[in-house]
Amino acid sequence: MKTEKNRKKIIQLDAQFHDLFNKSTGSEVLAETLEKLRNRLGRLWYLAEKGESYSLQIPGEIDNLIIALESRDGEKCKQILEEHAIHFIERIKINLYNGYPI
């Protein structure tokens, strides 16, 4: 996935990864709720992100998470997921508010 450069394809792969990850919880209700949230956030991401710089970081983040999962490194997984969420929120804020803090 690291070699993917097409923004639309990265967004699709990111969505598929999130769905797989959410379904792995074993909770159908949680997976459905997270899917609905991800769909809304995905639309926001697509509309708000003006460039490809953030999109191009996603494959590396997913690859790093897979490595941490395979290593059963819970702390590393937590760190990657937290950084992913925080970075996503910050990118959306920057693009929606033209760099002005909210």
N, C-alpha and C. Protein backbone atom coordinates (compact mmCIF):
# COMPACT_ATOMS: atom_id res chain seq x y z
N MET A 1 0.82 -1.19 0.00
CA MET A 1 0.00 0.00 0.00
C MET A 1 0.86 1.26 0.00
N LYS A 2 2.07 1.17 0.55
CA LYS A 2 2.94 2.35 0.64
C LYS A 2 3.22 2.98 -0.71
N THR A 3 3.15 2.22 -1.77
CA THR A 3 3.49 2.74 -3.09
C THR A 3 2.32 3.45 -3.77
N GLU A 4 1.13 3.35 -3.19
CA GLU A 4 -0.05 3.98 -3.81
C GLU A 4 0.07 5.49 -3.73
N LYS A 5 -0.20 6.18 -4.85
CA LYS A 5 -0.10 7.64 -4.92
C LYS A 5 -1.42 8.31 -5.31
N ASN A 6 -2.38 7.52 -5.77
CA ASN A 6 -3.65 8.08 -6.21
C ASN A 6 -4.53 8.37 -4.99
N ARG A 7 -4.90 9.65 -4.82
CA ARG A 7 -5.65 10.09 -3.63
C ARG A 7 -6.97 9.35 -3.47
N LYS A 8 -7.73 9.20 -4.55
CA LYS A 8 -9.02 8.50 -4.46
C LYS A 8 -8.83 7.04 -4.05
N LYS A 9 -7.81 6.41 -4.60
CA LYS A 9 -7.53 5.01 -4.26
C LYS A 9 -7.10 4.90 -2.80
N ILE A 10 -6.29 5.86 -2.34
CA ILE A 10 -5.86 5.84 -0.93
C ILE A 10 -7.07 5.99 -0.01
N ILE A 11 -7.99 6.87 -0.36
CA ILE A 11 -9.19 7.05 0.45
C ILE A 11 -10.00 5.76 0.49
N GLN A 12 -10.12 5.08 -0.66
CA GLN A 12 -10.84 3.81 -0.71
C GLN A 12 -10.16 2.75 0.15
N LEU A 13 -8.84 2.65 0.02
CA LEU A 13 -8.09 1.66 0.81
C LEU A 13 -8.17 1.97 2.30
N ASP A 14 -8.12 3.25 2.64
CA ASP A 14 -8.25 3.66 4.04
C ASP A 14 -9.62 3.25 4.58
N ALA A 15 -10.66 3.46 3.80
CA ALA A 15 -12.02 3.08 4.21
C ALA A 15 -12.12 1.56 4.41
N GLN A 16 -11.55 0.80 3.49
CA GLN A 16 -11.58 -0.65 3.62
C GLN A 16 -10.83 -1.11 4.86
N PHE A 17 -9.68 -0.47 5.12
CA PHE A 17 -8.91 -0.84 6.30
C PHE A 17 -9.70 -0.53 7.57
N HIS A 18 -10.31 0.65 7.63
CA HIS A 18 -11.11 1.01 8.79
C HIS A 18 -12.26 0.02 9.00
N ASP A 19 -12.94 -0.35 7.91
CA ASP A 19 -14.04 -1.30 8.03
C ASP A 19 -13.55 -2.65 8.57
N LEU A 20 -12.46 -3.14 8.04
CA LEU A 20 -11.89 -4.41 8.50
C LEU A 20 -11.50 -4.32 9.97
N PHE A 21 -10.84 -3.24 10.32
CA PHE A 21 -10.41 -3.02 11.70
C PHE A 21 -11.61 -2.96 12.64
N ASN A 22 -12.65 -2.23 12.24
CA ASN A 22 -13.85 -2.09 13.07
C ASN A 22 -14.59 -3.42 13.23
N LYS A 23 -14.67 -4.19 12.16
CA LYS A 23 -15.35 -5.49 12.24
C LYS A 23 -14.60 -6.47 13.12
N SER A 24 -13.29 -6.26 13.25
CA SER A 24 -12.49 -7.16 14.08
C SER A 24 -12.82 -7.03 15.56
N THR A 25 -13.57 -5.99 15.93
CA THR A 25 -13.96 -5.83 17.34
C THR A 25 -14.93 -6.92 17.77
N GLY A 26 -15.63 -7.51 16.79
CA GLY A 26 -16.60 -8.54 17.11
C GLY A 26 -17.96 -7.97 17.51
N SER A 27 -18.08 -6.66 17.56
CA SER A 27 -19.33 -6.01 17.91
C SER A 27 -19.96 -5.41 16.66
N GLU A 28 -21.07 -6.00 16.23
CA GLU A 28 -21.74 -5.52 15.03
C GLU A 28 -22.25 -4.09 15.20
N VAL A 29 -22.77 -3.78 16.38
CA VAL A 29 -23.28 -2.43 16.65
C VAL A 29 -22.14 -1.41 16.60
N LEU A 30 -21.02 -1.72 17.24
CA LEU A 30 -19.88 -0.82 17.22
C LEU A 30 -19.34 -0.65 15.80
N ALA A 31 -19.23 -1.74 15.06
CA ALA A 31 -18.72 -1.68 13.69
C ALA A 31 -19.62 -0.82 12.81
N GLU A 32 -20.95 -0.98 12.95
CA GLU A 32 -21.89 -0.18 12.15
C GLU A 32 -21.82 1.29 12.53
N THR A 33 -21.72 1.58 13.81
CA THR A 33 -21.62 2.96 14.28
C THR A 33 -20.35 3.61 13.77
N LEU A 34 -19.24 2.90 13.88
CA LEU A 34 -17.96 3.44 13.40
C LEU A 34 -17.95 3.61 11.88
N GLU A 35 -18.64 2.71 11.17
CA GLU A 35 -18.72 2.84 9.72
C GLU A 35 -19.47 4.12 9.34
N LYS A 36 -20.58 4.39 10.01
CA LYS A 36 -21.34 5.61 9.73
C LYS A 36 -20.51 6.85 10.03
N LEU A 37 -19.80 6.83 11.14
CA LEU A 37 -18.94 7.95 11.49
C LEU A 37 -17.83 8.12 10.46
N ARG A 38 -17.20 7.02 10.08
CA ARG A 38 -16.13 7.08 9.09
C ARG A 38 -16.64 7.60 7.75
N ASN A 39 -17.85 7.21 7.36
CA ASN A 39 -18.41 7.70 6.10
C ASN A 39 -18.57 9.21 6.12
N ARG A 40 -19.06 9.73 7.22
CA ARG A 40 -19.22 11.19 7.33
C ARG A 40 -17.87 11.89 7.35
N LEU A 41 -16.95 11.35 8.13
CA LEU A 41 -15.62 11.95 8.20
C LEU A 41 -14.88 11.83 6.87
N GLY A 42 -15.11 10.74 6.18
CA GLY A 42 -14.48 10.55 4.87
C GLY A 42 -14.94 11.60 3.87
N ARG A 43 -16.22 11.92 3.89
CA ARG A 43 -16.73 12.97 3.01
C ARG A 43 -16.11 14.31 3.37
N LEU A 44 -16.02 14.58 4.66
CA LEU A 44 -15.42 15.82 5.13
C LEU A 44 -13.96 15.88 4.69
N TRP A 45 -13.23 14.78 4.86
CA TRP A 45 -11.83 14.71 4.46
C TRP A 45 -11.69 15.01 2.97
N TYR A 46 -12.53 14.34 2.17
CA TYR A 46 -12.43 14.51 0.72
C TYR A 46 -12.70 15.96 0.31
N LEU A 47 -13.68 16.59 0.94
CA LEU A 47 -14.05 17.96 0.60
C LEU A 47 -13.08 18.98 1.17
N ALA A 48 -12.55 18.72 2.35
CA ALA A 48 -11.73 19.72 3.03
C ALA A 48 -10.26 19.67 2.63
N GLU A 49 -9.76 18.50 2.31
CA GLU A 49 -8.33 18.36 2.00
C GLU A 49 -8.06 18.89 0.60
N LYS A 50 -7.25 19.92 0.53
CA LYS A 50 -6.99 20.58 -0.74
C LYS A 50 -5.81 19.97 -1.50
N GLY A 51 -4.94 19.31 -0.84
CA GLY A 51 -3.76 18.73 -1.49
C GLY A 51 -3.70 17.24 -1.23
N GLU A 52 -2.58 16.66 -1.59
CA GLU A 52 -2.41 15.22 -1.42
C GLU A 52 -1.42 14.86 -0.33
N SER A 53 -0.83 15.86 0.31
CA SER A 53 0.23 15.57 1.28
C SER A 53 -0.26 14.67 2.41
N TYR A 54 -1.44 14.94 2.95
CA TYR A 54 -1.96 14.10 4.03
C TYR A 54 -2.30 12.70 3.51
N SER A 55 -2.97 12.66 2.37
CA SER A 55 -3.38 11.37 1.80
C SER A 55 -2.19 10.45 1.59
N LEU A 56 -1.08 11.02 1.16
CA LEU A 56 0.10 10.21 0.87
C LEU A 56 0.76 9.65 2.13
N GLN A 57 0.40 10.18 3.30
CA GLN A 57 0.94 9.66 4.56
C GLN A 57 0.15 8.45 5.07
N ILE A 58 -1.08 8.33 4.63
CA ILE A 58 -1.98 7.28 5.13
C ILE A 58 -1.41 5.87 4.89
N PRO A 59 -0.95 5.52 3.69
CA PRO A 59 -0.44 4.16 3.49
C PRO A 59 0.67 3.79 4.47
N GLY A 60 1.57 4.70 4.75
CA GLY A 60 2.65 4.42 5.70
C GLY A 60 2.12 4.19 7.11
N GLU A 61 1.11 4.98 7.50
CA GLU A 61 0.51 4.81 8.82
C GLU A 61 -0.15 3.43 8.94
N ILE A 62 -0.85 3.03 7.88
CA ILE A 62 -1.52 1.73 7.90
C ILE A 62 -0.48 0.60 7.93
N ASP A 63 0.56 0.74 7.14
CA ASP A 63 1.62 -0.28 7.15
C ASP A 63 2.26 -0.40 8.53
N ASN A 64 2.52 0.75 9.17
CA ASN A 64 3.10 0.74 10.52
C ASN A 64 2.16 0.09 11.52
N LEU A 65 0.85 0.34 11.37
CA LEU A 65 -0.13 -0.26 12.27
C LEU A 65 -0.17 -1.78 12.07
N ILE A 66 -0.11 -2.22 10.83
CA ILE A 66 -0.11 -3.66 10.56
C ILE A 66 1.11 -4.33 11.20
N ILE A 67 2.26 -3.69 11.08
CA ILE A 67 3.48 -4.24 11.69
C ILE A 67 3.31 -4.33 13.21
N ALA A 68 2.75 -3.27 13.81
CA ALA A 68 2.55 -3.27 15.26
C ALA A 68 1.54 -4.35 15.67
N LEU A 69 0.49 -4.53 14.87
CA LEU A 69 -0.50 -5.57 15.17
C LEU A 69 0.13 -6.96 15.07
N GLU A 70 0.90 -7.17 14.02
CA GLU A 70 1.55 -8.47 13.85
C GLU A 70 2.53 -8.76 14.98
N SER A 71 3.14 -7.71 15.51
CA SER A 71 4.08 -7.85 16.63
C SER A 71 3.36 -7.91 17.98
N ARG A 72 2.05 -7.73 17.94
CA ARG A 72 1.23 -7.70 19.16
C ARG A 72 1.73 -6.63 20.14
N ASP A 73 2.13 -5.50 19.56
CA ASP A 73 2.64 -4.37 20.35
C ASP A 73 1.49 -3.39 20.59
N GLY A 74 0.75 -3.63 21.65
CA GLY A 74 -0.42 -2.83 21.99
C GLY A 74 -0.12 -1.36 22.18
N GLU A 75 0.99 -1.05 22.83
CA GLU A 75 1.36 0.35 23.06
C GLU A 75 1.65 1.05 21.74
N LYS A 76 2.34 0.38 20.84
CA LYS A 76 2.65 0.97 19.54
C LYS A 76 1.36 1.17 18.74
N CYS A 77 0.45 0.20 18.79
CA CYS A 77 -0.84 0.34 18.10
C CYS A 77 -1.59 1.56 18.63
N LYS A 78 -1.64 1.68 19.94
CA LYS A 78 -2.32 2.81 20.57
C LYS A 78 -1.70 4.12 20.12
N GLN A 79 -0.39 4.19 20.11
CA GLN A 79 0.32 5.41 19.70
C GLN A 79 0.00 5.76 18.24
N ILE A 80 0.05 4.78 17.37
CA ILE A 80 -0.21 5.01 15.94
C ILE A 80 -1.64 5.49 15.74
N LEU A 81 -2.60 4.83 16.40
CA LEU A 81 -4.00 5.21 16.24
C LEU A 81 -4.28 6.60 16.79
N GLU A 82 -3.69 6.93 17.94
CA GLU A 82 -3.87 8.27 18.50
C GLU A 82 -3.29 9.34 17.58
N GLU A 83 -2.08 9.10 17.09
CA GLU A 83 -1.44 10.07 16.19
C GLU A 83 -2.23 10.21 14.89
N HIS A 84 -2.76 9.11 14.38
CA HIS A 84 -3.57 9.12 13.17
C HIS A 84 -4.81 9.99 13.37
N ALA A 85 -5.50 9.78 14.48
CA ALA A 85 -6.73 10.54 14.75
C ALA A 85 -6.43 12.02 14.96
N ILE A 86 -5.43 12.32 15.75
CA ILE A 86 -5.07 13.72 16.03
C ILE A 86 -4.64 14.43 14.75
N HIS A 87 -3.81 13.77 13.97
CA HIS A 87 -3.33 14.36 12.71
C HIS A 87 -4.50 14.62 11.77
N PHE A 88 -5.43 13.68 11.67
CA PHE A 88 -6.61 13.84 10.81
C PHE A 88 -7.43 15.05 11.26
N ILE A 89 -7.69 15.15 12.54
CA ILE A 89 -8.49 16.27 13.07
C ILE A 89 -7.79 17.60 12.80
N GLU A 90 -6.50 17.64 13.01
CA GLU A 90 -5.74 18.87 12.77
C GLU A 90 -5.78 19.27 11.30
N ARG A 91 -5.63 18.30 10.40
CA ARG A 91 -5.68 18.60 8.96
C ARG A 91 -7.04 19.16 8.57
N ILE A 92 -8.11 18.59 9.09
CA ILE A 92 -9.45 19.07 8.78
C ILE A 92 -9.62 20.50 9.30
N LYS A 93 -9.19 20.75 10.53
CA LYS A 93 -9.30 22.10 11.10
C LYS A 93 -8.53 23.11 10.27
N ILE A 94 -7.32 22.76 9.88
CA ILE A 94 -6.50 23.67 9.08
C ILE A 94 -7.19 24.00 7.76
N ASN A 95 -7.70 22.98 7.10
CA ASN A 95 -8.31 23.20 5.80
C ASN A 95 -9.67 23.89 5.87
N LEU A 96 -10.44 23.61 6.91
CA LEU A 96 -11.75 24.25 7.03
C LEU A 96 -11.68 25.68 7.53
N TYR A 97 -10.70 25.95 8.35
CA TYR A 97 -10.61 27.27 8.98
C TYR A 97 -9.40 28.06 8.49
N ASN A 98 -8.85 27.65 7.35
CA ASN A 98 -7.72 28.37 6.72
C ASN A 98 -6.59 28.66 7.70
N GLY A 99 -6.32 27.72 8.57
CA GLY A 99 -5.19 27.88 9.47
C GLY A 99 -5.48 28.63 10.75
N TYR A 100 -6.69 29.18 10.87
CA TYR A 100 -7.04 29.87 12.10
C TYR A 100 -7.45 28.87 13.17
N PRO A 101 -6.89 28.96 14.37
CA PRO A 101 -7.28 28.01 15.41
C PRO A 101 -8.73 28.20 15.80
N ILE A 102 -9.37 27.10 16.16
CA ILE A 102 -10.77 27.20 16.60
C ILE A 102 -10.87 26.99 18.08
